C-alpha atoms as a PDB file:
ATOM      1  CA  MET A   1     -25.281  -9.879  -6.029  1.00  0.00           C
ATOM      2  CA  TRP A   2     -21.700 -11.021  -7.813  1.00  0.00           C
ATOM      3  CA  ARG A   3     -22.709 -11.037 -11.503  1.00  0.00           C
ATOM      4  CA  ARG A   4     -20.731 -11.794 -14.589  1.00  0.00           C
ATOM      5  CA  LEU A   5     -21.814  -9.432 -17.489  1.00  0.00           C
ATOM      6  CA  PRO A   6     -21.496  -9.660 -21.272  1.00  0.00           C
ATOM      7  CA  VAL A   7     -17.236  -9.087 -21.465  1.00  0.00           C
ATOM      8  CA  LYS A   8     -16.552  -6.230 -23.933  1.00  0.00           C
ATOM      9  CA  ARG A   9     -13.024  -6.859 -25.226  1.00  0.00           C
ATOM     10  CA  LEU A  10     -12.235  -3.501 -26.541  1.00  0.00           C
ATOM     11  CA  GLU A  11      -9.390  -2.857 -24.004  1.00  0.00           C
ATOM     12  CA  SER A  12      -8.159  -6.198 -23.601  1.00  0.00           C
ATOM     13  CA  SER A  13      -4.551  -7.113 -23.317  1.00  0.00           C
ATOM     14  CA  SER A  14      -2.095 -10.142 -22.928  1.00  0.00           C
ATOM     15  CA  GLU A  15      -1.473  -8.983 -19.387  1.00  0.00           C
ATOM     16  CA  GLY A  16      -5.182  -8.736 -18.568  1.00  0.00           C
ATOM     17  CA  LEU A  17      -5.904 -11.906 -20.033  1.00  0.00           C
ATOM     18  CA  GLY A  18      -3.299 -13.560 -18.114  1.00  0.00           C
ATOM     19  CA  LEU A  19      -5.027 -12.143 -15.072  1.00  0.00           C
ATOM     20  CA  GLU A  20      -8.305 -13.596 -16.015  1.00  0.00           C
ATOM     21  CA  ARG A  21      -6.971 -17.067 -17.302  1.00  0.00           C
ATOM     22  CA  TYR A  22      -5.081 -17.660 -13.747  1.00  0.00           C
ATOM     23  CA  LEU A  23      -7.942 -16.315 -11.802  1.00  0.00           C
ATOM     24  CA  GLY A  24     -10.272 -18.914 -13.662  1.00  0.00           C
ATOM     25  CA  SER A  25      -7.840 -21.360 -12.904  1.00  0.00           C
ATOM     26  CA  ALA A  26      -8.922 -22.406  -9.377  1.00  0.00           C
ATOM     27  CA  ASP A  27     -12.239 -21.956  -7.871  1.00  0.00           C
ATOM     28  CA  ASN A  28     -10.861 -20.887  -4.256  1.00  0.00           C
ATOM     29  CA  TRP A  29      -9.007 -17.844  -3.321  1.00  0.00           C
ATOM     30  CA  LEU A  30      -7.298 -16.093  -0.264  1.00  0.00           C
ATOM     31  CA  VAL A  31      -7.027 -12.547  -0.671  1.00  0.00           C
ATOM     32  CA  THR A  32      -4.897 -10.513   1.327  1.00  0.00           C
ATOM     33  CA  ALA A  33      -2.527  -7.092   1.507  1.00  0.00           C
ATOM     34  CA  HIS A  34      -0.049  -5.600   3.588  1.00  0.00           C
ATOM     35  CA  LYS A  35      -0.073  -5.040   7.355  1.00  0.00           C
ATOM     36  CA  ASN A  36      -2.500  -2.346   8.536  1.00  0.00           C
ATOM     37  CA  ALA A  37      -4.117  -2.103   5.434  1.00  0.00           C
ATOM     38  CA  ASP A  38      -4.719   1.377   4.028  1.00  0.00           C
ATOM     39  CA  PRO A  39      -7.878   2.601   2.089  1.00  0.00           C
ATOM     40  CA  ASP A  40      -6.213   1.657  -1.257  1.00  0.00           C
ATOM     41  CA  ALA A  41      -5.247  -1.787  -0.170  1.00  0.00           C
ATOM     42  CA  VAL A  42      -8.482  -2.548   1.603  1.00  0.00           C
ATOM     43  CA  ALA A  43     -10.809  -1.470  -1.678  1.00  0.00           C
ATOM     44  CA  SER A  44      -8.057  -3.428  -3.730  1.00  0.00           C
ATOM     45  CA  ALA A  45      -8.554  -6.477  -1.831  1.00  0.00           C
ATOM     46  CA  LEU A  46     -12.571  -5.822  -2.198  1.00  0.00           C
ATOM     47  CA  LEU A  47     -12.215  -5.538  -5.656  1.00  0.00           C
ATOM     48  CA  ALA A  48      -9.960  -8.866  -6.179  1.00  0.00           C
ATOM     49  CA  TYR A  49     -12.777 -10.288  -4.326  1.00  0.00           C
ATOM     50  CA  VAL A  50     -15.532  -9.146  -6.376  1.00  0.00           C
ATOM     51  CA  ILE A  51     -13.772 -10.293  -9.843  1.00  0.00           C
ATOM     52  CA  VAL A  52     -12.991 -13.765  -8.191  1.00  0.00           C
ATOM     53  CA  ARG A  53     -16.929 -14.148  -7.477  1.00  0.00           C
ATOM     54  CA  GLY A  54     -17.856 -12.400 -10.526  1.00  0.00           C
ATOM     55  CA  LEU A  55     -15.634 -15.398 -12.479  1.00  0.00           C
ATOM     56  CA  GLY A  56     -17.521 -17.905 -10.482  1.00  0.00           C
ATOM     57  CA  GLY A  57     -15.043 -18.564  -7.979  1.00  0.00           C
ATOM     58  CA  ARG A  58     -14.821 -18.461  -3.975  1.00  0.00           C
ATOM     59  CA  ALA A  59     -12.898 -16.253  -2.183  1.00  0.00           C
ATOM     60  CA  CYS A  60     -12.115 -14.855   1.771  1.00  0.00           C
ATOM     61  CA  ILE A  61      -9.810 -11.994   2.822  1.00  0.00           C
ATOM     62  CA  LEU A  62      -7.385 -11.903   5.401  1.00  0.00           C
ATOM     63  CA  PHE A  63      -5.487  -8.714   6.593  1.00  0.00           C
ATOM     64  CA  PRO A  64      -2.060  -9.093   8.768  1.00  0.00           C
ATOM     65  CA  GLU A  65      -2.564  -6.813  11.722  1.00  0.00           C
ATOM     66  CA  GLY A  66      -6.117  -6.035  10.738  1.00  0.00           C
ATOM     67  CA  VAL A  67      -6.578  -2.305   8.849  1.00  0.00           C
ATOM     68  CA  SER A  68      -6.007   0.919   9.603  1.00  0.00           C
ATOM     69  CA  ALA A  69      -8.378   3.134  11.318  1.00  0.00           C
ATOM     70  CA  ALA A  70      -9.092   5.151   8.084  1.00  0.00           C
ATOM     71  CA  SER A  71     -10.223   2.024   6.780  1.00  0.00           C
ATOM     72  CA  LYS A  72     -12.266   0.522   9.602  1.00  0.00           C
ATOM     73  CA  ARG A  73     -14.016   4.081   9.661  1.00  0.00           C
ATOM     74  CA  LEU A  74     -14.647   3.978   5.562  1.00  0.00           C
ATOM     75  CA  LEU A  75     -15.951   0.284   5.829  1.00  0.00           C
ATOM     76  CA  ALA A  76     -18.395   1.152   8.780  1.00  0.00           C
ATOM     77  CA  GLY A  77     -19.524   3.890   6.735  1.00  0.00           C
ATOM     78  CA  LEU A  78     -20.432   2.389   3.744  1.00  0.00           C
ATOM     79  CA  GLY A  79     -21.964  -0.773   5.734  1.00  0.00           C
ATOM     80  CA  ILE A  80     -19.496  -3.202   3.831  1.00  0.00           C
ATOM     81  CA  GLU A  81     -18.899  -6.383   5.639  1.00  0.00           C
ATOM     82  CA  VAL A  82     -15.817  -8.407   4.877  1.00  0.00           C
ATOM     83  CA  GLU A  83     -15.963 -12.094   4.211  1.00  0.00           C
ATOM     84  CA  TYR A  84     -13.029 -12.995   6.442  1.00  0.00           C
ATOM     85  CA  CYS A  85     -11.724 -16.619   5.986  1.00  0.00           C
ATOM     86  CA  THR A  86     -12.148 -18.942   8.751  1.00  0.00           C
ATOM     87  CA  GLY A  87     -10.148 -21.926   9.194  1.00  0.00           C
ATOM     88  CA  ASP A  88      -7.110 -22.689   7.382  1.00  0.00           C
ATOM     89  CA  PRO A  89      -6.966 -20.393   4.350  1.00  0.00           C
ATOM     90  CA  PRO A  90      -7.206 -21.282   0.688  1.00  0.00           C
ATOM     91  CA  ALA A  91      -3.703 -22.565  -1.054  1.00  0.00           C
ATOM     92  CA  ASN A  92      -4.557 -19.942  -3.761  1.00  0.00           C
ATOM     93  CA  VAL A  93      -3.468 -16.509  -3.030  1.00  0.00           C
ATOM     94  CA  VAL A  94      -3.984 -13.059  -4.594  1.00  0.00           C
ATOM     95  CA  VAL A  95      -1.961 -10.211  -2.761  1.00  0.00           C
ATOM     96  CA  VAL A  96      -3.182  -6.682  -3.724  1.00  0.00           C
ATOM     97  CA  ASP A  97      -1.039  -3.246  -2.861  1.00  0.00           C
ATOM     98  CA  THR A  98       2.195  -5.399  -1.466  1.00  0.00           C
ATOM     99  CA  ALA A  99       5.782  -5.265  -2.789  1.00  0.00           C
ATOM    100  CA  ASN A 100       7.500  -7.497  -0.464  1.00  0.00           C
ATOM    101  CA  PRO A 101       6.819 -10.453   1.845  1.00  0.00           C
ATOM    102  CA  ALA A 102       7.857  -8.604   4.880  1.00  0.00           C
ATOM    103  CA  GLN A 103       4.749  -6.622   4.822  1.00  0.00           C
ATOM    104  CA  LEU A 104       2.841  -9.708   5.048  1.00  0.00           C
ATOM    105  CA  GLY A 105       3.199 -10.178   8.886  1.00  0.00           C
ATOM    106  CA  GLY A 106       1.673 -13.529   9.875  1.00  0.00           C
ATOM    107  CA  LEU A 107       0.314 -14.293   6.463  1.00  0.00           C
ATOM    108  CA  ARG A 108       4.186 -14.557   5.133  1.00  0.00           C
ATOM    109  CA  GLU A 109       4.443 -18.230   5.070  1.00  0.00           C
ATOM    110  CA  VAL A 110       1.051 -18.754   3.828  1.00  0.00           C
ATOM    111  CA  VAL A 111       1.740 -16.697   0.697  1.00  0.00           C
ATOM    112  CA  GLU A 112       5.223 -18.220   0.041  1.00  0.00           C
ATOM    113  CA  GLY A 113       3.433 -21.485   0.186  1.00  0.00           C
ATOM    114  CA  ALA A 114       0.531 -20.610  -2.008  1.00  0.00           C
ATOM    115  CA  SER A 115      -0.097 -23.254  -5.182  1.00  0.00           C
ATOM    116  CA  ILE A 116      -0.724 -20.251  -7.149  1.00  0.00           C
ATOM    117  CA  LEU A 117       0.085 -16.924  -6.143  1.00  0.00           C
ATOM    118  CA  ILE A 118      -1.115 -13.523  -7.949  1.00  0.00           C
ATOM    119  CA  VAL A 119       0.267 -10.086  -7.161  1.00  0.00           C
ATOM    120  CA  VAL A 120      -1.455  -7.034  -8.263  1.00  0.00           C
ATOM    121  CA  ASP A 121       0.565  -3.962  -6.890  1.00  0.00           C
ATOM    122  CA  HIS A 122       1.259  -0.505  -8.105  1.00  0.00           C
ATOM    123  CA  HIS A 123       4.845  -0.317  -6.152  1.00  0.00           C
ATOM    124  CA  ARG A 124       8.110  -0.722  -7.984  1.00  0.00           C
ATOM    125  CA  PRO A 125       8.733  -4.481  -8.015  1.00  0.00           C
ATOM    126  CA  GLY A 126       9.752  -6.093  -4.807  1.00  0.00           C
ATOM    127  CA  ASP A 127      10.896  -9.654  -3.739  1.00  0.00           C
ATOM    128  CA  LEU A 128       7.198 -11.023  -3.607  1.00  0.00           C
ATOM    129  CA  TYR A 129       7.000 -10.123  -7.420  1.00  0.00           C
ATOM    130  CA  SER A 130       9.858 -13.059  -8.182  1.00  0.00           C
ATOM    131  CA  ARG A 131       7.747 -15.819  -6.353  1.00  0.00           C
ATOM    132  CA  ALA A 132       4.585 -14.924  -8.196  1.00  0.00           C
ATOM    133  CA  SER A 133       2.880 -17.244 -10.812  1.00  0.00           C
ATOM    134  CA  TYR A 134       1.242 -14.070 -12.199  1.00  0.00           C
ATOM    135  CA  SER A 135       1.653 -10.550 -11.498  1.00  0.00           C
ATOM    136  CA  LEU A 136      -0.151  -7.290 -12.864  1.00  0.00           C
ATOM    137  CA  VAL A 137       2.355  -4.440 -11.715  1.00  0.00           C
ATOM    138  CA  ASP A 138       2.038  -0.817 -13.062  1.00  0.00           C
ATOM    139  CA  PRO A 139       4.389   1.507 -10.944  1.00  0.00           C
ATOM    140  CA  SER A 140       2.859   4.511 -13.115  1.00  0.00           C
ATOM    141  CA  ALA A 141      -0.300   3.907 -11.772  1.00  0.00           C
ATOM    142  CA  ALA A 142      -1.324   6.052  -8.718  1.00  0.00           C
ATOM    143  CA  SER A 143      -3.159   3.219  -6.889  1.00  0.00           C
ATOM    144  CA  THR A 144      -3.704  -0.218  -7.120  1.00  0.00           C
ATOM    145  CA  THR A 145      -7.237   0.128  -6.868  1.00  0.00           C
ATOM    146  CA  GLU A 146      -7.620   1.745 -10.232  1.00  0.00           C
ATOM    147  CA  LEU A 147      -5.681  -1.487 -11.741  1.00  0.00           C
ATOM    148  CA  LEU A 148      -8.576  -3.816 -10.251  1.00  0.00           C
ATOM    149  CA  ALA A 149     -10.901  -1.248 -11.528  1.00  0.00           C
ATOM    150  CA  LEU A 150     -10.075  -1.371 -15.157  1.00  0.00           C
ATOM    151  CA  GLU A 151      -9.787  -5.321 -14.949  1.00  0.00           C
ATOM    152  CA  ALA A 152     -13.136  -5.597 -13.677  1.00  0.00           C
ATOM    153  CA  ARG A 153     -14.498  -3.710 -16.366  1.00  0.00           C
ATOM    154  CA  ARG A 154     -12.501  -5.480 -19.053  1.00  0.00           C
ATOM    155  CA  MET A 155     -13.699  -8.587 -17.530  1.00  0.00           C
ATOM    156  CA  GLY A 156     -17.498  -7.601 -17.575  1.00  0.00           C
ATOM    157  CA  VAL A 157     -18.036  -8.143 -13.618  1.00  0.00           C
ATOM    158  CA  GLU A 158     -20.211  -6.076 -11.767  1.00  0.00           C
ATOM    159  CA  ILE A 159     -18.914  -4.217  -8.949  1.00  0.00           C
ATOM    160  CA  PRO A 160     -21.527  -3.431  -6.187  1.00  0.00           C
ATOM    161  CA  GLN A 161     -22.315   0.056  -5.578  1.00  0.00           C
ATOM    162  CA  SER A 162     -20.595   0.436  -2.205  1.00  0.00           C
ATOM    163  CA  ILE A 163     -17.635  -1.269  -2.885  1.00  0.00           C
ATOM    164  CA  ALA A 164     -17.160   1.033  -6.151  1.00  0.00           C
ATOM    165  CA  THR A 165     -17.662   4.186  -3.692  1.00  0.00           C
ATOM    166  CA  LEU A 166     -14.793   2.415  -1.526  1.00  0.00           C
ATOM    167  CA  GLY A 167     -12.880   1.980  -4.759  1.00  0.00           C
ATOM    168  CA  LEU A 168     -13.377   5.703  -5.023  1.00  0.00           C
ATOM    169  CA  ALA A 169     -11.945   6.409  -1.743  1.00  0.00           C
ATOM    170  CA  GLY A 170      -9.097   4.207  -2.284  1.00  0.00           C
ATOM    171  CA  ILE A 171      -8.020   6.201  -5.516  1.00  0.00           C
ATOM    172  CA  LEU A 172      -8.539   9.499  -3.696  1.00  0.00           C
ATOM    173  CA  TYR A 173      -6.318   8.366  -0.607  1.00  0.00           C
ATOM    174  CA  ASP A 174      -3.327   6.911  -2.847  1.00  0.00           C
ATOM    175  CA  SER A 175      -3.641   9.655  -5.211  1.00  0.00           C
ATOM    176  CA  LYS A 176      -3.391  12.190  -2.700  1.00  0.00           C
ATOM    177  CA  ARG A 177      -6.570  13.816  -3.948  1.00  0.00           C
ATOM    178  CA  PHE A 178      -5.314  13.539  -7.371  1.00  0.00           C
ATOM    179  CA  LEU A 179      -2.086  15.071  -6.903  1.00  0.00           C
ATOM    180  CA  LEU A 180      -0.690  12.126  -8.318  1.00  0.00           C
ATOM    181  CA  VAL A 181      -2.129  10.380 -11.071  1.00  0.00           C
ATOM    182  CA  GLY A 182      -1.346   7.356 -13.715  1.00  0.00           C
ATOM    183  CA  PRO A 183      -2.397   7.048 -17.173  1.00  0.00           C
ATOM    184  CA  GLY A 184      -5.564   5.146 -16.101  1.00  0.00           C
ATOM    185  CA  THR A 185      -6.558   6.817 -12.851  1.00  0.00           C
ATOM    186  CA  PHE A 186      -9.312   9.155 -14.280  1.00  0.00           C
ATOM    187  CA  ARG A 187     -10.593   6.031 -16.486  1.00  0.00           C
ATOM    188  CA  ALA A 188     -10.633   3.927 -13.359  1.00  0.00           C
ATOM    189  CA  VAL A 189     -12.595   6.863 -11.399  1.00  0.00           C
ATOM    190  CA  GLN A 190     -15.267   7.159 -14.100  1.00  0.00           C
ATOM    191  CA  THR A 191     -15.572   3.115 -14.400  1.00  0.00           C
ATOM    192  CA  LEU A 192     -16.309   3.227 -10.372  1.00  0.00           C
ATOM    193  CA  ILE A 193     -18.822   6.158 -11.323  1.00  0.00           C
ATOM    194  CA  ASP A 194     -20.595   3.936 -13.798  1.00  0.00           C
ATOM    195  CA  TYR A 195     -20.892   1.033 -11.463  1.00  0.00           C
ATOM    196  CA  GLY A 196     -22.657   3.426  -9.056  1.00  0.00           C
ATOM    197  CA  GLY A 197     -19.854   4.757  -7.138  1.00  0.00           C
ATOM    198  CA  ASP A 198     -20.863   7.918  -5.131  1.00  0.00           C
ATOM    199  CA  TYR A 199     -17.510  10.195  -5.661  1.00  0.00           C
ATOM    200  CA  SER A 200     -19.137  12.787  -3.376  1.00  0.00           C
ATOM    201  CA  ARG A 201     -19.841  10.231  -0.400  1.00  0.00           C
ATOM    202  CA  ALA A 202     -16.183   8.930  -1.139  1.00  0.00           C
ATOM    203  CA  LEU A 203     -14.484  12.004  -0.445  1.00  0.00           C
ATOM    204  CA  GLN A 204     -16.687  12.852   2.532  1.00  0.00           C
ATOM    205  CA  LEU A 205     -15.818   9.767   4.296  1.00  0.00           C
ATOM    206  CA  LEU A 206     -12.197   9.975   3.369  1.00  0.00           C
ATOM    207  CA  THR A 207     -12.325  13.725   4.903  1.00  0.00           C
ATOM    208  CA  GLN A 208     -14.167  12.035   8.324  1.00  0.00           C
ATOM    209  CA  THR A 209     -11.482   9.488   8.186  1.00  0.00           C
ATOM    210  CA  GLY A 210      -8.912  12.348   8.536  1.00  0.00           C
ATOM    211  CA  GLY A 211      -9.634  13.446  11.879  1.00  0.00           C
ATOM    212  CA  LEU A 212      -7.005  12.229  13.649  1.00  0.00           C
ATOM    213  CA  THR A 213      -7.617  10.050  17.308  1.00  0.00           C
ATOM    214  CA  LEU A 214      -6.006  11.129  20.541  1.00  0.00           C
ATOM    215  CA  SER A 215      -3.534   8.294  20.326  1.00  0.00           C
ATOM    216  CA  GLU A 216      -2.473   9.079  16.808  1.00  0.00           C
ATOM    217  CA  ARG A 217      -2.203  12.883  17.460  1.00  0.00           C
ATOM    218  CA  ILE A 218       0.123  11.597  20.825  1.00  0.00           C
ATOM    219  CA  ALA A 219       2.257   9.685  18.457  1.00  0.00           C
ATOM    220  CA  ARG A 220       2.573  12.567  16.105  1.00  0.00           C
ATOM    221  CA  LEU A 221       3.859  15.035  18.869  1.00  0.00           C
ATOM    222  CA  LYS A 222       6.538  12.365  20.218  1.00  0.00           C
ATOM    223  CA  ALA A 223       7.731  11.842  16.908  1.00  0.00           C
ATOM    224  CA  VAL A 224       8.368  15.608  16.444  1.00  0.00           C
ATOM    225  CA  SER A 225       9.969  15.591  19.676  1.00  0.00           C
ATOM    226  CA  ARG A 226      12.214  12.709  19.395  1.00  0.00           C
ATOM    227  CA  ALA A 227      13.580  13.636  15.696  1.00  0.00           C
ATOM    228  CA  ARG A 228      17.204  13.530  14.773  1.00  0.00           C
ATOM    229  CA  LEU A 229      17.738  15.980  12.196  1.00  0.00           C
ATOM    230  CA  GLY A 230      20.309  15.717   9.599  1.00  0.00           C
ATOM    231  CA  ARG A 231      20.831  17.871   6.130  1.00  0.00           C
ATOM    232  CA  ALA A 232      21.906  16.866   2.806  1.00  0.00           C
ATOM    233  CA  CYS A 233      22.415  19.004  -0.380  1.00  0.00           C
ATOM    234  CA  LYS A 234      22.267  22.327   1.539  1.00  0.00           C
ATOM    235  CA  GLU A 235      18.774  22.547   1.997  1.00  0.00           C
ATOM    236  CA  VAL A 236      17.552  18.924   2.029  1.00  0.00           C
ATOM    237  CA  LEU A 237      16.288  18.070   5.725  1.00  0.00           C
ATOM    238  CA  ILE A 238      15.892  14.811   7.025  1.00  0.00           C
ATOM    239  CA  ALA A 239      14.157  13.573  10.109  1.00  0.00           C
ATOM    240  CA  VAL A 240      14.535  10.406  11.701  1.00  0.00           C
ATOM    241  CA  THR A 241      12.595   9.484  14.907  1.00  0.00           C
ATOM    242  CA  HIS A 242      10.745   6.630  16.365  1.00  0.00           C
ATOM    243  CA  VAL A 243       7.019   5.780  17.740  1.00  0.00           C
ATOM    244  CA  GLY A 244       5.162   2.652  19.063  1.00  0.00           C
ATOM    245  CA  SER A 245       2.439   3.213  16.635  1.00  0.00           C
ATOM    246  CA  TYR A 246       1.096   5.126  13.866  1.00  0.00           C
ATOM    247  CA  GLU A 247       4.613   5.320  12.232  1.00  0.00           C
ATOM    248  CA  SER A 248       2.833   6.391   8.600  1.00  0.00           C
ATOM    249  CA  SER A 249       0.934   9.203  10.319  1.00  0.00           C
ATOM    250  CA  ALA A 250       3.902  10.308  12.267  1.00  0.00           C
ATOM    251  CA  ALA A 251       5.983  10.468   8.951  1.00  0.00           C
ATOM    252  CA  ARG A 252       3.532  12.311   7.384  1.00  0.00           C
ATOM    253  CA  ALA A 253       3.446  14.821  10.393  1.00  0.00           C
ATOM    254  CA  LEU A 254       7.021  15.359  10.004  1.00  0.00           C
ATOM    255  CA  LEU A 255       6.582  16.661   6.201  1.00  0.00           C
ATOM    256  CA  GLU A 256       4.084  18.823   7.358  1.00  0.00           C
ATOM    257  CA  VAL A 257       6.376  20.373   9.860  1.00  0.00           C
ATOM    258  CA  GLY A 258       8.937  20.865   7.312  1.00  0.00           C
ATOM    259  CA  ALA A 259      11.162  17.772   6.676  1.00  0.00           C
ATOM    260  CA  ASP A 260      11.978  16.865   3.222  1.00  0.00           C
ATOM    261  CA  VAL A 261      12.821  12.970   4.196  1.00  0.00           C
ATOM    262  CA  ALA A 262      10.957  11.280   7.163  1.00  0.00           C
ATOM    263  CA  VAL A 263      11.969   8.075   8.293  1.00  0.00           C
ATOM    264  CA  VAL A 264      10.110   6.905  11.536  1.00  0.00           C
ATOM    265  CA  LEU A 265      11.056   3.362  13.310  1.00  0.00           C
ATOM    266  CA  ALA A 266       8.417   1.292  15.340  1.00  0.00           C
ATOM    267  CA  GLU A 267       9.303  -1.799  17.289  1.00  0.00           C
ATOM    268  CA  ARG A 268       7.582  -4.800  16.294  1.00  0.00           C
ATOM    269  CA  ARG A 269       7.756  -8.503  17.515  1.00  0.00           C
ATOM    270  CA  GLU A 270      10.090  -9.464  14.275  1.00  0.00           C
ATOM    271  CA  GLY A 271      12.529  -6.268  14.249  1.00  0.00           C
ATOM    272  CA  TYR A 272      11.559  -2.756  13.440  1.00  0.00           C
ATOM    273  CA  ARG A 273       8.851  -1.511  10.832  1.00  0.00           C
ATOM    274  CA  VAL A 274      10.170   1.847   9.154  1.00  0.00           C
ATOM    275  CA  SER A 275       7.876   4.138   7.460  1.00  0.00           C
ATOM    276  CA  VAL A 276       9.588   6.809   4.792  1.00  0.00           C
ATOM    277  CA  ARG A 277       7.952   9.901   3.296  1.00  0.00           C
ATOM    278  CA  VAL A 278       9.461  12.318   1.025  1.00  0.00           C
ATOM    279  CA  SER A 279       8.312  15.753   0.383  1.00  0.00           C
ATOM    280  CA  ARG A 280       7.348  16.586  -3.661  1.00  0.00           C
ATOM    281  CA  GLY A 281      10.502  19.047  -3.646  1.00  0.00           C
ATOM    282  CA  ALA A 282      12.965  15.966  -2.800  1.00  0.00           C
ATOM    283  CA  GLU A 283      11.133  14.077  -5.072  1.00  0.00           C
ATOM    284  CA  ALA A 284      12.053  16.527  -7.847  1.00  0.00           C
ATOM    285  CA  LEU A 285      15.660  16.233  -6.816  1.00  0.00           C
ATOM    286  CA  GLY A 286      15.465  12.029  -7.333  1.00  0.00           C
ATOM    287  CA  ILE A 287      14.978  11.617  -3.828  1.00  0.00           C
ATOM    288  CA  THR A 288      12.505   8.914  -3.415  1.00  0.00           C
ATOM    289  CA  ALA A 289      10.759   6.756  -0.661  1.00  0.00           C
ATOM    290  CA  ASP A 290      11.315   3.542  -2.394  1.00  0.00           C
ATOM    291  CA  LYS A 291      15.367   4.377  -2.955  1.00  0.00           C
ATOM    292  CA  ILE A 292      15.521   5.202   0.710  1.00  0.00           C
ATOM    293  CA  ALA A 293      13.766   2.067   2.030  1.00  0.00           C
ATOM    294  CA  LEU A 294      15.802  -0.329  -0.125  1.00  0.00           C
ATOM    295  CA  TYR A 295      18.722   1.390   0.829  1.00  0.00           C
ATOM    296  CA  LEU A 296      18.038   0.814   4.977  1.00  0.00           C
ATOM    297  CA  ALA A 297      17.003  -2.860   3.876  1.00  0.00           C
ATOM    298  CA  GLU A 298      20.146  -3.533   1.951  1.00  0.00           C
ATOM    299  CA  LYS A 299      22.325  -1.980   4.446  1.00  0.00           C
ATOM    300  CA  TYR A 300      20.865  -3.757   7.774  1.00  0.00           C
ATOM    301  CA  GLY A 301      19.825  -7.087   6.391  1.00  0.00           C
ATOM    302  CA  GLY A 302      16.158  -6.291   5.835  1.00  0.00           C
ATOM    303  CA  GLU A 303      13.372  -5.722   3.235  1.00  0.00           C
ATOM    304  CA  GLY A 304      12.137  -2.948   1.657  1.00  0.00           C
ATOM    305  CA  GLY A 305      10.271  -1.091  -1.069  1.00  0.00           C
ATOM    306  CA  GLY A 306       7.452   0.951  -1.810  1.00  0.00           C
ATOM    307  CA  HIS A 307       7.144   4.079  -4.454  1.00  0.00           C
ATOM    308  CA  SER A 308       8.554   7.616  -4.971  1.00  0.00           C
ATOM    309  CA  GLY A 309       6.154   9.496  -2.049  1.00  0.00           C
ATOM    310  CA  ALA A 310       6.038   6.545   0.211  1.00  0.00           C
ATOM    311  CA  GLY A 311       8.284   3.499   1.320  1.00  0.00           C
ATOM    312  CA  MET A 312       8.371   0.874   3.973  1.00  0.00           C
ATOM    313  CA  ALA A 313      11.293  -1.329   5.095  1.00  0.00           C
ATOM    314  CA  GLN A 314      11.472  -4.013   7.457  1.00  0.00           C
ATOM    315  CA  LEU A 315      14.648  -4.405   9.435  1.00  0.00           C
ATOM    316  CA  PRO A 316      15.993  -6.830  12.031  1.00  0.00           C
ATOM    317  CA  PHE A 317      16.927  -5.590  15.551  1.00  0.00           C
ATOM    318  CA  ILE A 318      20.145  -3.782  14.435  1.00  0.00           C
ATOM    319  CA  ALA A 319      20.453  -2.310  17.996  1.00  0.00           C
ATOM    320  CA  PRO A 320      19.966  -3.166  21.852  1.00  0.00           C
ATOM    321  CA  SER A 321      17.037  -0.502  21.888  1.00  0.00           C
ATOM    322  CA  ILE A 322      14.725   1.754  19.314  1.00  0.00           C
ATOM    323  CA  GLU A 323      16.507   4.813  20.491  1.00  0.00           C
ATOM    324  CA  GLU A 324      19.874   3.337  19.396  1.00  0.00           C
ATOM    325  CA  ALA A 325      18.709   1.981  16.012  1.00  0.00           C
ATOM    326  CA  THR A 326      16.982   5.381  15.521  1.00  0.00           C
ATOM    327  CA  ASP A 327      20.571   7.034  16.351  1.00  0.00           C
ATOM    328  CA  MET A 328      22.159   4.703  13.679  1.00  0.00           C
ATOM    329  CA  VAL A 329      19.815   5.495  10.907  1.00  0.00           C
ATOM    330  CA  ALA A 330      20.181   9.221  11.519  1.00  0.00           C
ATOM    331  CA  LYS A 331      23.591   8.977  11.273  1.00  0.00           C
ATOM    332  CA  THR A 332      23.969   7.090   8.135  1.00  0.00           C
ATOM    333  CA  LEU A 333      21.167   8.494   6.019  1.00  0.00           C
ATOM    334  CA  PRO A 334      22.446  12.343   5.194  1.00  0.00           C
ATOM    335  CA  GLY A 335      25.268  10.791   3.202  1.00  0.00           C
ATOM    336  CA  ARG A 336      23.006   8.483   1.029  1.00  0.00           C
ATOM    337  CA  VAL A 337      20.513  11.114   0.566  1.00  0.00           C
ATOM    338  CA  GLY A 338      23.354  13.356  -0.395  1.00  0.00           C
ATOM    339  CA  ARG A 339      24.631  11.095  -3.110  1.00  0.00           C
ATOM    340  CA  ILE A 340      21.056  10.766  -4.636  1.00  0.00           C
ATOM    341  CA  CYS A 341      20.292  14.447  -4.886  1.00  0.00           C
ATOM    342  CA  THR A 342      24.033  14.793  -6.497  1.00  0.00           C
ATOM    343  CA  GLY A 343      23.310  12.466  -9.140  1.00  0.00           C
ATOM    344  CA  GLY A 344      24.889   9.620  -7.530  1.00  0.00           C
ATOM    345  CA  LYS A 345      23.423   6.109  -7.531  1.00  0.00           C
END
């Protein structure tokens, strides 16, 4: 099933050759991604798994805190069975779609102690990159999936049809149905179709996964009802709230009802996980989710990062309750956003 095809070097680069060289330097790999892995993270992990196998190595996968509801439905719909690690995970690690160690949950120590660490990502550089033996990072890419799809083609590694279809769904998900595209997005889509990926099926399954469960709908409504509102630069509306789960979905819901900047806190065992989303109008003013996530991380002693439209921060327990923590963030954020949209640093 996992075959190495004759390699065509037409698009080889020093970066790509470095990835192949590092993957070929060991025969057993752990592949992982960020907590609550979304379709881009899951597709990226499966593609990295396929590449390792295509190069003759062994691999298994672990997702800290599992995968998102949308990812679960995609995997089930495509009949993909993930080869999860059993026992102690391998000492060599490939991390995809993840910029900071805080996003790795219970696998953080495993990743930080890796003998060889490879990072493949499309977010702006975070702390994880400085620890990597090798990194393939392109913030201009719309998804991590497209980077690995192009690498598989360059290496001549065959992608199974079901995983090619999952890859198409991963690109569709993170590009917001091609509202965001990078220089290699459509080349990656064509590559996955060439491998037998079914674009219509990917779109259908992704549309089906868009249906919200009762729990997610409740979380969204609670997020809106609890929102603290602020304003910057006259018309930039900021909403800060908290939920018990589904913080990313809640942040998207706040944008849908009119916010330009949405920040949602959720309490976890190690602190507060914060999801940040910004509207395209806010992005046009230079207000990006990664800037806000990094600001919160620096101010409160955590870690954060992301890209222009979506970011994530991990904060310590900065207040006795999540309500008080939400109030703290809501009070400090308008000033920071105001400095960004007026041209300040």
